[in-house]
């Protein structure tokens, strides 16, 4: 549950079903072969892993409650069709025997503890790998993950299959503990109980997973000892899970970690504040006007309708290569709608989009990102579970569908360089330690680090003021000039638009009302009327 929910954010109600598949596999092998238990244990992970992939391919296109319902239906179906007929060896009395060194209770306990330790090490390594970082990313925002060029379905599928394999090992250990099991041990209600207890204790951390398993056994036994029904324990876990969710993510283990961090901070008698990295240039960086070049991004007659409302009405623009192109307009003008259409999140629009001469209208957001179209979001989407360097690692090298795509996604600047340009803390800094403005700047760094053909920056100066805003504009000017990236700059900060942009387009009520140089556009009567209204 720590992998499937706390890491990837997937609400699954079939984990005990996967445990049952692992136990069923070991029972069948024990009946049909003479393999020792340790030789059968890998098959207990492999069978549910494959089942997780097969079930996950259709299921993981769903989200939230819909995914929970789908996995519950799968759990019920397996319990009724497969487990109801009995487990292999149950009728024959063919018991599964643990390894010889684990025949005693204490020996089997140590064997299970050792297995748990191996799995914990493997999961920790996965979480620190790029695969694990993608899990955190997709949990925080599926849109941002796709915008960085990663397949959301593949990312969720990997977490789903890994969690299924871990559950299968658990089922095999349960079978070896009892010798024989029945389908009653792997009913859907058991998956619900595990989910609620995992939410309560926070199975995303090792100690939370241990607490979940420990108290999952102790509490029912305690209730039985005092004369109360054991069935009360699922209700207690459900209440505890609701309380944990209302207080934030992570459950009891996250709360304990937060307390320990505060105590560690208070125990430090002195703190040496680390000076921020020096800007690459302290004064304003003057950007030379861009010479006329062929358009790298062409927008041809883009229209988007929501019922009778026309959000965009035949918008056509040509953005030259290497230019800094501004897109402005009052609230509700259609700027964000246009950015969503360009980046592939509004596929059902009219018109065409060409990137470097290639028609990308029919491509998904992931494939557009791989072609070199990257974007930021109006509301920040940097996953807080990562470090600064971990996020840049994901943003710099996305999943490539071909060798040519992989070759085109080389790093244009090192992490240290781009962090220095934007005065961000070192790569080892947790994103949780950054303020809102710094997280937005980090997202811009992520959009630039892979040297895309076009970067769509959606209100990057929001939340920045004073010296921070000036430093950011200066750093952005330098970075874009250094990397040679074409930028579509969506912004309300007119001063930033004038200082950065070569050309500006203005939207109002979904219509393109003006294009040209920043000075000419801002003096256009139609633009003035759009922002200030007309005199009566």
Protein backbone atom coordinates (compact mmCIF):
# COMPACT_ATOMS: atom_id res chain seq x y z
CA UNK A 1 0.00 0.00 0.00
CA UNK A 2 2.94 2.33 0.55
CA UNK A 3 3.98 1.94 -3.08
CA UNK A 4 0.54 2.03 -4.66
CA UNK A 5 -1.03 4.85 -2.61
CA UNK A 6 1.61 6.89 -0.79
CA UNK A 7 4.04 6.93 -3.71
CA UNK A 8 1.86 6.84 -6.83
CA UNK A 9 -1.43 8.11 -5.37
CA UNK A 10 -3.54 5.22 -6.69
CA UNK A 11 -6.58 4.11 -4.71
CA UNK A 12 -6.56 0.32 -5.07
CA UNK A 13 -8.88 -2.16 -3.35
CA UNK A 14 -7.39 -5.41 -4.62
CA UNK A 15 -4.08 -5.77 -2.79
CA UNK A 16 -5.20 -8.84 -0.83
CA UNK A 17 -6.37 -10.34 -4.12
CA UNK A 18 -2.81 -10.07 -5.43
CA UNK A 19 -1.64 -11.66 -2.17
CA UNK A 20 -4.08 -14.48 -2.84
CA UNK A 21 -2.72 -14.91 -6.37
CA UNK A 22 0.77 -15.27 -4.91
CA UNK A 23 -0.44 -17.85 -2.39
CA UNK A 24 -2.42 -19.73 -5.07
CA UNK A 25 0.69 -19.87 -7.29
CA UNK A 26 2.86 -21.30 -4.52
CA UNK A 27 0.14 -23.80 -3.59
CA UNK A 28 -0.12 -24.98 -7.21
CA UNK A 29 3.66 -25.30 -7.57
CA UNK A 30 3.85 -27.16 -4.28
CA UNK A 31 1.19 -29.61 -5.51
CA UNK A 32 2.62 -30.10 -9.01
CA UNK A 33 6.38 -29.91 -8.41
CA UNK A 34 9.00 -30.70 -5.81
CA UNK A 35 10.45 -27.21 -5.69
CA UNK A 36 11.54 -25.94 -2.27
CA UNK A 37 9.75 -22.91 -0.85
CA UNK A 38 12.60 -20.47 -1.59
CA UNK A 39 12.52 -21.52 -5.27
CA UNK A 40 8.75 -20.95 -5.41
CA UNK A 41 8.87 -17.53 -3.75
CA UNK A 42 9.96 -15.62 -6.92
CA UNK A 43 6.94 -17.09 -8.75
CA UNK A 44 4.74 -15.71 -5.97
CA UNK A 45 5.94 -12.25 -7.00
CA UNK A 46 5.94 -12.90 -10.76
CA UNK A 47 2.35 -14.16 -11.11
CA UNK A 48 0.68 -11.13 -9.42
CA UNK A 49 3.14 -8.81 -11.21
CA UNK A 50 1.86 -10.13 -14.55
CA UNK A 51 -1.75 -9.98 -13.29
CA UNK A 52 -1.13 -6.40 -12.19
CA UNK A 53 0.07 -5.45 -15.67
CA UNK A 54 -2.89 -7.18 -17.38
CA UNK A 55 -5.46 -5.61 -15.06
CA UNK A 56 -3.65 -2.30 -14.85
CA UNK A 57 -3.61 -1.57 -18.58
CA UNK A 58 -7.40 -0.91 -18.73
CA UNK A 59 -7.80 0.11 -15.07
CA UNK A 60 -5.15 2.79 -14.82
CA UNK A 61 -6.82 5.07 -17.32
CA UNK A 62 -9.26 5.67 -14.47
CA UNK A 63 -8.65 7.87 -11.44
CA UNK A 64 -9.69 8.18 -7.82
CA UNK A 65 -13.00 6.56 -6.92
CA UNK A 66 -13.47 5.09 -10.40
CA UNK A 67 -10.18 3.20 -10.05
CA UNK A 68 -11.16 2.04 -6.56
CA UNK A 69 -14.48 0.68 -7.90
CA UNK A 70 -12.74 -1.09 -10.80
CA UNK A 71 -10.17 -2.77 -8.53
CA UNK A 72 -12.93 -3.75 -6.09
CA UNK A 73 -14.84 -5.40 -8.93
CA UNK A 74 -11.68 -7.27 -9.92
CA UNK A 75 -11.19 -8.39 -6.32
CA UNK A 76 -14.78 -9.66 -6.06
CA UNK A 77 -14.54 -11.47 -9.40
CA UNK A 78 -11.32 -13.30 -8.45
CA UNK A 79 -12.77 -14.23 -5.04
CA UNK A 80 -15.92 -15.66 -6.64
CA UNK A 81 -14.40 -17.36 -9.69
CA UNK A 82 -10.93 -18.54 -8.58
CA UNK A 83 -10.65 -18.52 -4.81
CA UNK A 84 -14.14 -19.94 -4.23
CA UNK A 85 -13.10 -23.27 -5.79
CA UNK A 86 -10.43 -23.71 -3.15
CA UNK A 87 -6.67 -23.32 -3.18
CA UNK A 88 -4.42 -26.01 -4.68
CA UNK A 89 -3.50 -28.60 -2.07
CA UNK A 90 -6.34 -27.68 0.31
CA UNK A 91 -8.44 -30.80 -0.40
CA UNK A 92 -5.42 -33.06 -0.73
CA UNK A 93 -3.98 -31.76 2.52
CA UNK A 94 -0.73 -30.93 0.74
CA UNK A 95 0.84 -28.45 3.14
CA UNK A 96 3.41 -25.86 2.06
CA UNK A 97 6.51 -26.12 4.22
CA UNK A 98 8.81 -23.19 4.99
CA UNK A 99 12.60 -23.51 4.60
CA UNK A 100 14.31 -25.89 7.01
CA UNK A 101 15.96 -23.06 8.93
CA UNK A 102 12.54 -21.47 9.52
CA UNK A 103 10.55 -24.42 10.91
CA UNK A 104 10.36 -22.94 14.42
CA UNK A 105 8.18 -19.94 15.24
CA UNK A 106 11.20 -17.78 16.04
CA UNK A 107 12.99 -18.98 12.89
CA UNK A 108 10.02 -18.17 10.68
CA UNK A 109 9.67 -14.76 12.31
CA UNK A 110 13.30 -13.96 11.52
CA UNK A 111 12.84 -15.26 7.97
CA UNK A 112 9.84 -12.95 7.44
CA UNK A 113 11.73 -10.04 9.01
CA UNK A 114 14.68 -10.66 6.69
CA UNK A 115 12.35 -10.79 3.67
CA UNK A 116 10.72 -7.56 4.78
CA UNK A 117 14.15 -5.97 5.04
CA UNK A 118 15.07 -7.02 1.51
CA UNK A 119 11.82 -5.62 0.15
CA UNK A 120 12.32 -2.39 2.10
CA UNK A 121 15.79 -1.97 0.59
CA UNK A 122 14.44 -2.68 -2.91
CA UNK A 123 11.55 -0.23 -2.51
CA UNK A 124 13.86 2.45 -1.12
CA UNK A 125 16.17 2.01 -4.11
CA UNK A 126 13.18 2.25 -6.47
CA UNK A 127 11.92 5.42 -4.80
CA UNK A 128 15.33 7.04 -5.19
CA UNK A 129 15.57 6.00 -8.83
CA UNK A 130 14.03 7.88 -11.73
CA UNK A 131 11.12 5.40 -11.70
CA UNK A 132 10.30 6.29 -8.10
CA UNK A 133 10.58 9.99 -8.80
CA UNK A 134 8.07 9.59 -11.64
CA UNK A 135 5.73 7.90 -9.14
CA UNK A 136 5.85 10.98 -6.93
CA UNK A 137 5.40 13.20 -9.96
CA UNK A 138 2.31 11.40 -11.24
CA UNK A 139 0.81 11.43 -7.75
CA UNK A 140 1.22 15.20 -7.58
CA UNK A 141 0.03 15.98 -11.11
CA UNK A 142 -0.69 13.72 -14.06
CA UNK A 143 -0.83 16.75 -16.36
CA UNK A 144 2.62 17.96 -15.34
CA UNK A 145 4.03 14.45 -15.74
CA UNK A 146 2.68 14.19 -19.29
CA UNK A 147 3.95 17.71 -20.04
CA UNK A 148 7.48 16.52 -19.18
CA UNK A 149 7.22 13.74 -21.76
CA UNK A 150 6.47 10.79 -19.49
CA UNK A 151 3.66 8.30 -20.09
CA UNK A 152 1.22 8.59 -17.19
CA UNK A 153 -0.20 5.11 -17.81
CA UNK A 154 3.25 3.46 -17.87
CA UNK A 155 4.24 5.26 -14.67
CA UNK A 156 1.11 4.19 -12.81
CA UNK A 157 1.35 0.70 -14.27
CA UNK A 158 4.87 0.24 -12.91
CA UNK A 159 3.74 1.18 -9.39
CA UNK A 160 0.66 -1.03 -9.68
CA UNK A 161 2.68 -4.06 -10.81
CA UNK A 162 5.43 -3.58 -8.20
CA UNK A 163 2.88 -3.32 -5.40
CA UNK A 164 1.14 -6.46 -6.72
CA UNK A 165 4.45 -8.36 -6.64
CA UNK A 166 5.09 -7.30 -3.03
CA UNK A 167 1.56 -8.38 -2.08
CA UNK A 168 2.14 -11.74 -3.76
CA UNK A 169 5.22 -12.37 -1.61
CA UNK A 170 3.16 -11.55 1.46
CA UNK A 171 0.53 -14.06 0.39
CA UNK A 172 3.16 -16.76 -0.07
CA UNK A 173 4.58 -16.09 3.42
CA UNK A 174 1.09 -16.34 4.89
CA UNK A 175 0.60 -19.68 3.13
CA UNK A 176 3.89 -21.06 4.45
CA UNK A 177 3.01 -19.88 7.97
CA UNK A 178 -0.27 -21.84 8.01
CA UNK A 179 0.62 -24.63 5.59
CA UNK A 180 -2.84 -24.42 3.98
CA UNK A 181 -5.09 -21.41 3.34
CA UNK A 182 -8.55 -20.85 1.90
CA UNK A 183 -10.16 -18.02 -0.06
CA UNK A 184 -11.58 -16.60 3.19
CA UNK A 185 -8.16 -15.06 3.91
CA UNK A 186 -8.17 -13.00 0.70
CA UNK A 187 -11.64 -11.46 0.52
CA UNK A 188 -12.23 -7.88 -0.73
CA UNK A 189 -13.04 -6.67 2.81
CA UNK A 190 -9.46 -7.51 3.77
CA UNK A 191 -8.15 -5.12 1.09
CA UNK A 192 -10.38 -2.36 2.48
CA UNK A 193 -9.09 -2.97 6.00
CA UNK A 194 -5.49 -2.83 4.82
CA UNK A 195 -6.16 0.41 2.92
CA UNK A 196 -7.74 2.17 5.89
CA UNK A 197 -5.04 1.00 8.31
CA UNK A 198 -2.35 2.06 5.82
CA UNK A 199 -3.94 5.51 5.64
CA UNK A 200 -4.07 5.67 9.44
CA UNK A 201 -0.43 4.74 10.06
CA UNK A 202 1.12 5.96 6.82
CA UNK A 203 2.50 2.97 4.93
CA UNK A 204 4.58 5.22 2.66
CA UNK A 205 7.34 5.13 5.30
CA UNK A 206 8.96 1.94 6.53
CA UNK A 207 7.97 2.47 10.14
CA UNK A 208 4.40 3.25 9.06
CA UNK A 209 4.21 -0.04 7.15
CA UNK A 210 5.49 -1.91 10.21
CA UNK A 211 2.93 -0.13 12.43
CA UNK A 212 0.19 -1.04 9.96
CA UNK A 213 1.03 -4.72 10.07
CA UNK A 214 1.71 -4.79 13.81
CA UNK A 215 -1.44 -3.03 14.96
CA UNK A 216 -3.46 -4.76 12.25
CA UNK A 217 -2.90 -7.93 14.30
CA UNK A 218 -2.70 -6.53 17.83
CA UNK A 219 -5.90 -4.50 17.81
CA UNK A 220 -8.24 -7.38 16.74
CA UNK A 221 -6.59 -9.66 19.33
CA UNK A 222 -6.94 -6.99 22.01
CA UNK A 223 -10.64 -6.54 21.20
CA UNK A 224 -11.13 -10.30 21.42
CA UNK A 225 -9.33 -10.44 24.79
CA UNK A 226 -11.64 -7.85 26.32
CA UNK A 227 -14.76 -9.58 24.98
CA UNK A 228 -15.53 -7.35 22.00
CA UNK A 229 -16.05 -8.56 18.42
CA UNK A 230 -12.92 -8.51 16.24
CA UNK A 231 -15.01 -6.96 13.46
CA UNK A 232 -14.83 -3.62 15.29
CA UNK A 233 -11.19 -3.19 14.23
CA UNK A 234 -11.98 -2.35 10.56
CA UNK A 235 -14.28 0.44 11.79
CA UNK A 236 -11.50 1.76 14.05
CA UNK A 237 -9.07 1.75 11.13
CA UNK A 238 -11.63 3.50 8.92
CA UNK A 239 -12.11 6.27 11.49
CA UNK A 240 -8.36 6.56 11.95
CA UNK A 241 -7.83 6.72 8.18
CA UNK A 242 -10.39 9.53 7.83
CA UNK A 243 -8.73 11.47 10.65
CA UNK A 244 -5.30 10.96 9.05
CA UNK A 245 -6.55 12.21 5.66
CA UNK A 246 -8.16 15.27 7.25
CA UNK A 247 -4.83 16.19 8.86
CA UNK A 248 -2.80 15.76 5.70
CA UNK A 249 -0.95 13.03 3.85
CA UNK A 250 1.31 10.48 5.48
CA UNK A 251 -0.67 9.33 8.52
CA UNK A 252 0.93 8.68 11.90
CA UNK A 253 4.42 8.02 10.50
CA UNK A 254 4.51 11.40 8.73
CA UNK A 255 3.40 13.14 11.94
CA UNK A 256 6.15 11.38 13.92
CA UNK A 257 8.73 12.38 11.33
CA UNK A 258 7.57 16.00 11.45
CA UNK A 259 7.90 16.04 15.25
CA UNK A 260 11.39 14.51 15.07
CA UNK A 261 12.49 17.14 12.54
CA UNK A 262 11.26 19.93 14.82
CA UNK A 263 13.07 18.43 17.81
CA UNK A 264 16.24 18.11 15.75
CA UNK A 265 15.95 21.72 14.68
CA UNK A 266 15.42 22.93 18.25
CA UNK A 267 18.40 20.91 19.44
CA UNK A 268 20.73 22.81 17.14
CA UNK A 269 22.28 25.71 19.00
CA UNK A 270 23.48 27.61 15.97
CA UNK A 271 22.57 27.76 12.32
CA UNK A 272 24.82 29.02 9.56
CA UNK A 273 22.55 30.41 6.89
CA UNK A 274 23.82 29.36 3.53
CA UNK A 275 24.26 32.29 1.18
CA UNK A 276 22.25 31.98 -2.03
CA UNK A 277 24.20 31.33 -5.20
CA UNK A 278 25.46 34.42 -6.97
CA UNK A 279 23.62 35.56 -10.06
CA UNK A 280 25.44 35.10 -13.31
CA UNK A 281 25.17 38.85 -13.74
CA UNK A 282 24.10 41.33 -11.10
CA UNK A 283 22.85 44.09 -13.39
CA UNK A 284 20.07 43.95 -15.98
CA UNK A 285 20.92 41.69 -18.89
CA UNK A 286 20.09 43.38 -22.16
CA UNK A 287 18.65 41.00 -24.71
CA UNK A 288 19.26 41.77 -28.36
CA UNK A 289 16.18 41.95 -30.58
CA UNK A 290 15.58 38.77 -32.54
CA UNK A 291 16.16 38.91 -36.26
CA UNK A 292 13.34 37.76 -38.51
CA UNK A 293 13.42 33.99 -38.82
CA UNK A 294 11.13 31.20 -39.96
CA UNK A 295 8.35 30.36 -37.50
CA UNK A 296 9.07 27.45 -35.17
CA UNK A 297 5.50 27.36 -33.81
CA UNK A 298 2.54 28.02 -36.10
CA UNK A 299 -1.01 28.28 -34.79
CA UNK A 300 -3.58 28.04 -37.57
CA UNK A 301 -7.25 28.87 -36.96
CA UNK A 302 -7.48 27.34 -33.48
CA UNK A 303 -11.03 27.38 -32.14
CA UNK A 304 -12.33 25.93 -28.88
CA UNK A 305 -16.00 25.85 -27.88
CA UNK A 306 -17.72 24.89 -24.64
CA UNK A 307 -21.30 24.45 -25.72
CA UNK A 308 -22.48 27.84 -26.98
CA UNK A 309 -19.45 29.62 -25.52
CA UNK A 310 -16.58 30.29 -27.92
CA UNK A 311 -13.42 30.20 -25.76
CA UNK A 312 -11.12 30.66 -28.77
CA UNK A 313 -12.25 31.96 -32.16
CA UNK A 314 -9.93 31.10 -35.08
CA UNK A 315 -6.65 32.16 -33.48
CA UNK A 316 -3.69 32.24 -35.86
CA UNK A 317 -0.13 33.14 -34.85
CA UNK A 318 3.37 32.51 -36.15
CA UNK A 319 6.14 32.57 -33.53
CA UNK A 320 9.65 32.99 -35.00
CA UNK A 321 12.47 30.73 -33.89
CA UNK A 322 14.55 32.17 -31.04
CA UNK A 323 11.98 34.87 -30.24
CA UNK A 324 10.41 35.88 -26.93
CA UNK A 325 6.71 36.13 -27.81
CA UNK A 326 4.22 37.55 -25.31
CA UNK A 327 0.57 36.55 -24.94
CA UNK A 328 -1.55 38.90 -22.85
CA UNK A 329 -5.19 39.67 -22.24
CA UNK A 330 -7.69 40.28 -19.43
CA UNK A 331 -8.87 37.45 -17.20
CA UNK A 332 -11.06 35.06 -19.16
CA UNK A 333 -9.59 36.11 -22.50
CA UNK A 334 -8.65 32.53 -23.42
CA UNK A 335 -4.89 32.52 -22.74
CA UNK A 336 -4.85 29.38 -20.60
CA UNK A 337 -7.23 27.66 -23.03
CA UNK A 338 -4.81 28.37 -25.87
CA UNK A 339 -1.86 27.03 -23.87
CA UNK A 340 -3.81 23.84 -23.04
CA UNK A 341 -4.65 23.41 -26.73
CA UNK A 342 -1.02 23.95 -27.77
CA UNK A 343 0.32 21.48 -25.20
CA UNK A 344 -2.23 18.77 -26.08
CA UNK A 345 -4.61 18.92 -23.12
CA UNK A 346 -7.52 20.07 -25.31
CA UNK A 347 -7.40 17.59 -28.21
CA UNK A 348 -10.92 18.30 -29.51
CA UNK A 349 -10.26 21.73 -30.97
CA UNK A 350 -10.49 23.02 -34.52
CA UNK A 351 -7.46 24.15 -36.48
CA UNK A 352 -3.86 22.97 -36.68
CA UNK A 353 -0.63 23.36 -34.71
CA UNK A 354 2.76 23.07 -36.40
CA UNK A 355 6.03 22.68 -34.48
CA UNK A 356 9.12 23.24 -36.60
CA UNK A 357 7.05 22.44 -39.68
CA UNK A 358 5.55 19.21 -38.27
CA UNK A 359 1.82 19.01 -37.68
CA UNK A 360 1.45 17.96 -34.03
CA UNK A 361 -2.31 18.53 -33.78
CA UNK A 362 -3.09 14.86 -33.25
CA UNK A 363 -0.21 14.14 -30.83
CA UNK A 364 -0.66 13.56 -27.09
CA UNK A 365 0.90 15.93 -24.51
CA UNK A 366 3.68 13.40 -23.89
CA UNK A 367 4.62 13.17 -27.56
CA UNK A 368 4.50 16.94 -27.96
CA UNK A 369 6.92 17.25 -25.05
CA UNK A 370 9.21 14.71 -26.70
CA UNK A 371 9.09 16.74 -29.92
CA UNK A 372 10.35 19.76 -27.97
CA UNK A 373 7.24 21.60 -26.74
CA UNK A 374 7.47 22.10 -22.96
CA UNK A 375 5.27 24.12 -20.63
CA UNK A 376 4.79 25.36 -17.10
CA UNK A 377 1.46 25.70 -15.32
CA UNK A 378 -0.37 28.69 -13.91
CA UNK A 379 -0.59 26.86 -10.59
CA UNK A 380 2.72 25.21 -9.67
CA UNK A 381 3.07 21.45 -10.17
CA UNK A 382 6.46 20.61 -8.71
CA UNK A 383 6.17 17.40 -6.61
CA UNK A 384 7.15 18.21 -3.04
CA UNK A 385 8.44 14.70 -2.32
CA UNK A 386 11.52 15.29 -4.51
CA UNK A 387 14.70 17.30 -4.20
CA UNK A 388 15.54 20.20 -6.50
CA UNK A 389 18.00 18.03 -8.40
CA UNK A 390 15.57 15.10 -8.54
CA UNK A 391 12.95 17.28 -10.21
CA UNK A 392 15.43 18.69 -12.72
CA UNK A 393 16.56 15.13 -13.50
CA UNK A 394 13.00 14.21 -14.48
CA UNK A 395 12.49 17.40 -16.46
CA UNK A 396 15.79 17.15 -18.34
CA UNK A 397 15.52 13.61 -19.70
CA UNK A 398 12.03 12.35 -20.42
CA UNK A 399 10.88 9.00 -21.73
CA UNK A 400 11.88 8.78 -25.39
CA UNK A 401 10.00 6.67 -27.89
CA UNK A 402 12.96 6.40 -30.24
CA UNK A 403 16.71 6.83 -30.35
CA UNK A 404 16.31 10.04 -32.35
CA UNK A 405 14.03 11.51 -29.68
CA UNK A 406 16.48 10.48 -26.97
CA UNK A 407 19.33 12.15 -28.82
CA UNK A 408 17.36 15.39 -29.14
CA UNK A 409 16.73 15.58 -25.38
CA UNK A 410 20.30 16.19 -24.27
CA UNK A 411 20.93 18.59 -21.41
CA UNK A 412 21.64 22.13 -22.61
CA UNK A 413 22.95 23.26 -19.24
CA UNK A 414 24.07 21.51 -16.09
CA UNK A 415 21.90 21.54 -13.01
CA UNK A 416 24.46 23.65 -11.16
CA UNK A 417 24.52 26.23 -13.95
CA UNK A 418 20.77 26.72 -14.21
CA UNK A 419 20.36 26.80 -10.42
CA UNK A 420 23.08 29.47 -10.27
CA UNK A 421 21.42 31.51 -12.99
CA UNK A 422 18.14 31.61 -11.09
CA UNK A 423 19.65 31.90 -7.57
CA UNK A 424 18.06 28.65 -6.43
CA UNK A 425 19.50 26.52 -3.59
CA UNK A 426 21.66 23.42 -4.28
CA UNK A 427 20.31 20.33 -6.03
CA UNK A 428 20.16 18.37 -2.75
CA UNK A 429 17.60 20.79 -1.26
CA UNK A 430 14.11 19.26 -0.69
CA UNK A 431 11.40 21.03 -2.66
CA UNK A 432 9.40 21.31 0.58
CA UNK A 433 12.06 23.77 1.79
CA UNK A 434 11.31 26.18 -1.08
CA UNK A 435 8.76 28.96 -0.89
CA UNK A 436 5.99 29.27 -3.47
CA UNK A 437 7.92 31.70 -5.66
CA UNK A 438 11.03 29.51 -5.72
CA UNK A 439 8.96 26.47 -6.66
CA UNK A 440 7.53 28.38 -9.63
CA UNK A 441 11.05 29.39 -10.67
CA UNK A 442 12.14 25.75 -10.36
CA UNK A 443 9.31 24.74 -12.70
CA UNK A 444 10.60 27.25 -15.25
CA UNK A 445 14.08 25.74 -14.87
CA UNK A 446 12.55 22.33 -15.54
CA UNK A 447 10.96 23.61 -18.75
CA UNK A 448 14.28 25.06 -19.96
CA UNK A 449 16.75 22.39 -18.83
CA UNK A 450 16.13 20.05 -21.79
CA UNK A 451 16.57 22.90 -24.31
CA UNK A 452 13.14 22.55 -25.95
CA UNK A 453 12.21 24.07 -29.27
CA UNK A 454 9.44 26.08 -27.59
CA UNK A 455 8.76 26.73 -23.89
CA UNK A 456 5.24 27.84 -22.92
CA UNK A 457 5.63 29.80 -19.66
CA UNK A 458 2.24 30.38 -18.03
CA UNK A 459 2.45 33.38 -15.65
CA UNK A 460 5.91 32.54 -14.26
CA UNK A 461 6.24 35.81 -12.31
CA UNK A 462 3.10 35.18 -10.23
CA UNK A 463 4.03 35.22 -6.55
CA UNK A 464 7.28 37.13 -7.17
CA UNK A 465 7.77 40.72 -6.08
CA UNK A 466 10.52 43.25 -5.55
CA UNK A 467 14.13 42.03 -5.89
CA UNK A 468 13.05 38.42 -6.44
CA UNK A 469 11.02 39.43 -9.47
CA UNK A 470 13.86 41.54 -10.89
CA UNK A 471 16.39 38.74 -10.39
CA UNK A 472 14.06 36.26 -12.06
CA UNK A 473 13.47 38.46 -15.13
CA UNK A 474 17.22 39.05 -15.45
CA UNK A 475 17.98 35.33 -15.09
CA UNK A 476 15.24 34.34 -17.54
CA UNK A 477 16.58 36.82 -20.11
CA UNK A 478 20.07 35.38 -19.76
CA UNK A 479 18.96 31.73 -19.79
CA UNK A 480 16.80 32.11 -22.91
CA UNK A 481 19.57 33.97 -24.74
CA UNK A 482 22.16 31.39 -23.66
CA UNK A 483 20.05 28.37 -24.59
CA UNK A 484 18.44 29.80 -27.71
CA UNK A 485 14.96 28.65 -26.66
CA UNK A 486 11.83 30.11 -28.23
CA UNK A 487 9.43 31.29 -25.51
CA UNK A 488 5.69 31.92 -25.53
CA UNK A 489 5.32 34.14 -22.46
CA UNK A 490 1.81 34.29 -20.95
CA UNK A 491 1.79 37.01 -18.34
CA UNK A 492 -0.21 39.75 -16.58
CA UNK A 493 2.92 41.66 -15.52
CA UNK A 494 3.10 44.30 -18.26
CA UNK A 495 6.50 45.55 -17.15
CA UNK A 496 7.92 42.04 -17.56
CA UNK A 497 6.23 41.69 -20.96
CA UNK A 498 7.69 44.98 -22.22
CA UNK A 499 11.20 44.20 -20.95
CA UNK A 500 11.33 40.62 -22.25
CA UNK A 501 9.18 40.23 -25.34
CA UNK A 502 10.03 40.95 -28.99
CA UNK A 503 6.39 40.71 -30.05
CA UNK A 504 3.06 40.53 -28.24
CA UNK A 505 -0.37 39.17 -29.11
CA UNK A 506 -3.52 40.20 -27.24
CA UNK A 507 -6.61 38.05 -26.69
CA UNK A 508 -9.99 39.30 -25.55
CA UNK A 509 -13.06 37.10 -25.23
CA UNK A 510 -11.36 34.42 -27.30
CA UNK A 511 -10.49 36.71 -30.19
CA UNK A 512 -7.08 37.95 -31.33
CA UNK A 513 -7.42 41.76 -31.26
CA UNK A 514 -3.82 42.94 -31.73
CA UNK A 515 -0.28 41.79 -32.52
CA UNK A 516 2.98 43.69 -32.82
CA UNK A 517 5.75 45.19 -30.72
CA UNK A 518 4.99 45.64 -26.99
CA UNK A 519 4.90 49.44 -27.26
CA UNK A 520 2.59 49.49 -30.29
CA UNK A 521 0.26 46.86 -28.83
CA UNK A 522 -0.12 48.55 -25.45
CA UNK A 523 -1.01 51.83 -27.19
CA UNK A 524 -3.62 50.19 -29.41
CA UNK A 525 -7.10 51.59 -28.55
CA UNK A 526 -8.63 48.11 -28.75
CA UNK A 527 -6.16 46.82 -26.15
CA UNK A 528 -6.75 49.80 -23.89
CA UNK A 529 -10.49 49.25 -24.16
CA UNK A 530 -10.11 45.52 -23.38
CA UNK A 531 -8.28 46.29 -20.14
CA UNK A 532 -9.89 49.57 -19.08
CA UNK A 533 -13.21 49.61 -20.91
CA UNK A 534 -14.53 52.37 -23.13
CA UNK A 535 -15.61 55.82 -21.99
CA UNK A 536 -19.31 56.61 -21.94
